[in-house]
Amino acid sequence: MTAPCVQPLTNSSTATHSYHIIIADDDALMRRLLSRIVERTCLSFTASVAENGKQALEIYRTSGADLLITDATMPVMDGIDLVQAVREETTELPIIMLSGEPDIEREAYAAGVTVFLEKPTSMAQIERIITHVLPARSSVHAYPSLASPLG
């Protein structure tokens, strides 16, 4: 089992605050794609990557996060179990779940995801969602509710 790691992908601009984003997906290609999307979206960030929900939860518990992006289907601990575990600790963390299984959307929202995206989805849509759910630095936990439009 590969240990969770803080990916060397960081983007430090002149911003004084850095976002910490956890990306959990068992597909290495998808982790790289999501990391690139985060890089295009955030001025200053550190991305931690995990191959499964258990690793992502360990990262969250040791380092915290400003955003969790997770796949639904992963080995060891799936995305639904990950979301439920995180929600036992906080309701404030925005969580984006991606899945190729649209029939789990209701279960994902019941578990506590902020936004559910069906795969495949466009990079532009993921960027837009990230921009809307990341907490504003002036108000640490400000992000739109599920009821508010994202566009």
Protein backbone atom coordinates (compact mmCIF):
# COMPACT_ATOMS: atom_id res chain seq x y z
CA MET A 1 0.00 0.00 0.00
CA THR A 2 1.37 3.38 -0.97
CA ALA A 3 1.55 5.89 1.85
CA PRO A 4 -0.38 9.14 1.49
CA CYS A 5 1.80 11.95 0.30
CA VAL A 6 1.73 15.65 -0.22
CA GLN A 7 2.18 15.97 -3.93
CA PRO A 8 5.07 18.23 -4.91
CA LEU A 9 2.58 20.15 -7.03
CA THR A 10 2.35 23.56 -5.41
CA ASN A 11 1.63 26.93 -6.85
CA SER A 12 2.73 29.78 -4.64
CA SER A 13 2.00 33.18 -6.01
CA THR A 14 2.03 36.49 -4.20
CA ALA A 15 -1.06 35.37 -2.27
CA THR A 16 -0.52 35.27 1.48
CA HIS A 17 -2.69 32.20 2.07
CA SER A 18 -2.41 28.79 0.51
CA TYR A 19 -5.26 26.34 -0.01
CA HIS A 20 -4.76 22.71 0.93
CA ILE A 21 -6.70 20.44 -1.43
CA ILE A 22 -6.97 16.67 -1.07
CA ILE A 23 -7.49 14.68 -4.28
CA ALA A 24 -8.58 11.07 -3.76
CA ASP A 25 -8.84 8.76 -6.76
CA ASP A 26 -7.48 5.28 -7.44
CA ASP A 27 -6.74 6.23 -11.07
CA ALA A 28 -3.31 7.90 -11.36
CA LEU A 29 -4.29 9.62 -14.61
CA MET A 30 -7.38 11.13 -12.99
CA ARG A 31 -5.29 12.32 -10.00
CA ARG A 32 -2.91 14.09 -12.41
CA LEU A 33 -5.80 15.62 -14.36
CA LEU A 34 -7.48 16.91 -11.21
CA SER A 35 -4.15 18.28 -9.97
CA ARG A 36 -3.77 20.22 -13.24
CA ILE A 37 -7.30 21.57 -12.93
CA VAL A 38 -6.55 22.72 -9.38
CA GLU A 39 -3.33 24.34 -10.61
CA ARG A 40 -5.29 26.31 -13.24
CA THR A 41 -7.93 27.34 -10.69
CA CYS A 42 -6.00 28.26 -7.53
CA LEU A 43 -3.41 30.96 -7.16
CA SER A 44 -1.76 29.41 -4.13
CA PHE A 45 -2.24 25.79 -3.06
CA THR A 46 -0.80 22.49 -1.97
CA ALA A 47 -2.40 19.34 -3.35
CA SER A 48 -2.23 16.12 -1.38
CA VAL A 49 -3.08 13.01 -3.36
CA ALA A 50 -4.47 9.69 -2.15
CA GLU A 51 -5.16 6.42 -3.94
CA ASN A 52 -8.13 5.56 -1.72
CA GLY A 53 -10.44 6.98 0.91
CA LYS A 54 -8.42 5.65 3.84
CA GLN A 55 -5.32 7.54 2.70
CA ALA A 56 -7.38 10.69 2.10
CA LEU A 57 -8.88 10.46 5.59
CA GLU A 58 -5.39 10.08 7.11
CA ILE A 59 -4.23 13.17 5.22
CA TYR A 60 -7.29 15.12 6.37
CA ARG A 61 -6.78 14.11 10.00
CA THR A 62 -3.10 15.05 10.01
CA SER A 63 -3.09 18.13 7.76
CA GLY A 64 -6.67 19.39 7.46
CA ALA A 65 -7.94 20.69 4.13
CA ASP A 66 -9.81 23.50 2.43
CA LEU A 67 -11.35 21.19 -0.18
CA LEU A 68 -11.71 17.45 -0.77
CA ILE A 69 -12.15 16.12 -4.30
CA THR A 70 -12.92 12.41 -4.34
CA ASP A 71 -13.88 9.60 -6.64
CA ALA A 72 -16.84 7.50 -5.52
CA THR A 73 -15.40 4.07 -6.28
CA MET A 74 -11.99 3.27 -4.78
CA PRO A 75 -10.43 0.26 -3.05
CA VAL A 76 -9.91 0.01 0.73
CA MET A 77 -12.38 2.83 1.53
CA ASP A 78 -14.72 4.21 -1.11
CA GLY A 79 -15.78 7.82 -1.54
CA ILE A 80 -19.12 7.47 0.27
CA ASP A 81 -17.41 6.01 3.37
CA LEU A 82 -14.76 8.75 3.16
CA VAL A 83 -17.40 11.49 3.05
CA GLN A 84 -19.28 9.96 5.99
CA ALA A 85 -16.06 9.76 8.04
CA VAL A 86 -15.13 13.38 7.25
CA ARG A 87 -18.67 14.56 8.04
CA GLU A 88 -18.40 12.96 11.50
CA GLU A 89 -15.55 15.42 12.11
CA THR A 90 -16.74 18.53 10.24
CA THR A 91 -19.65 19.83 8.22
CA GLU A 92 -17.63 22.81 7.00
CA LEU A 93 -15.30 21.15 4.48
CA PRO A 94 -16.52 21.44 0.88
CA ILE A 95 -16.47 18.05 -0.83
CA ILE A 96 -16.71 17.41 -4.57
CA MET A 97 -17.44 13.84 -5.62
CA LEU A 98 -16.96 12.55 -9.15
CA SER A 99 -18.45 9.28 -10.31
CA GLY A 100 -19.21 7.35 -13.44
CA GLU A 101 -22.18 5.86 -11.59
CA PRO A 102 -25.03 8.39 -11.67
CA ASP A 103 -27.26 6.11 -9.59
CA ILE A 104 -25.24 6.87 -6.44
CA GLU A 105 -25.86 10.63 -6.59
CA ARG A 106 -28.64 10.51 -3.97
CA GLU A 107 -26.45 8.41 -1.64
CA ALA A 108 -23.55 10.83 -2.14
CA TYR A 109 -25.65 13.85 -1.16
CA ALA A 110 -27.08 11.93 1.82
CA ALA A 111 -23.50 11.22 2.94
CA GLY A 112 -22.72 14.95 2.82
CA VAL A 113 -21.07 15.88 -0.47
CA THR A 114 -21.30 19.51 -1.47
CA VAL A 115 -21.33 18.85 -5.23
CA PHE A 116 -21.73 15.59 -7.16
CA LEU A 117 -20.39 15.48 -10.73
CA GLU A 118 -21.08 12.65 -13.13
CA LYS A 119 -18.12 11.46 -15.20
CA PRO A 120 -17.25 12.35 -17.79
CA THR A 121 -17.36 16.06 -17.09
CA SER A 122 -15.46 18.95 -18.57
CA MET A 123 -12.37 20.58 -17.09
CA ALA A 124 -14.18 23.91 -17.30
CA GLN A 125 -17.07 22.62 -15.19
CA ILE A 126 -14.71 21.24 -12.54
CA GLU A 127 -12.80 24.57 -12.48
CA ARG A 128 -16.05 26.49 -12.04
CA ILE A 129 -17.18 24.25 -9.18
CA ILE A 130 -13.80 24.51 -7.42
CA THR A 131 -13.93 28.30 -7.67
CA HIS A 132 -17.40 28.35 -6.13
CA VAL A 133 -16.84 25.93 -3.27
CA LEU A 134 -13.40 26.94 -2.03
CA PRO A 135 -13.73 28.92 1.18
CA ALA A 136 -13.16 32.63 0.75
CA ARG A 137 -10.12 33.73 2.72
CA SER A 138 -11.94 36.73 4.17
CA SER A 139 -14.65 34.43 5.53
CA VAL A 140 -12.99 31.10 6.13
CA HIS A 141 -15.99 28.84 5.59
CA ALA A 142 -17.96 30.80 3.00
CA TYR A 143 -19.11 28.70 0.08
CA PRO A 144 -22.44 28.44 -1.68
CA SER A 145 -25.04 26.05 -0.41
CA LEU A 146 -26.34 23.30 -2.65
CA ALA A 147 -29.48 25.34 -3.21
CA SER A 148 -27.66 28.30 -4.73
CA PRO A 149 -26.91 28.41 -8.46
CA LEU A 150 -23.29 27.89 -9.44
CA GLY A 151 -23.36 29.98 -12.56
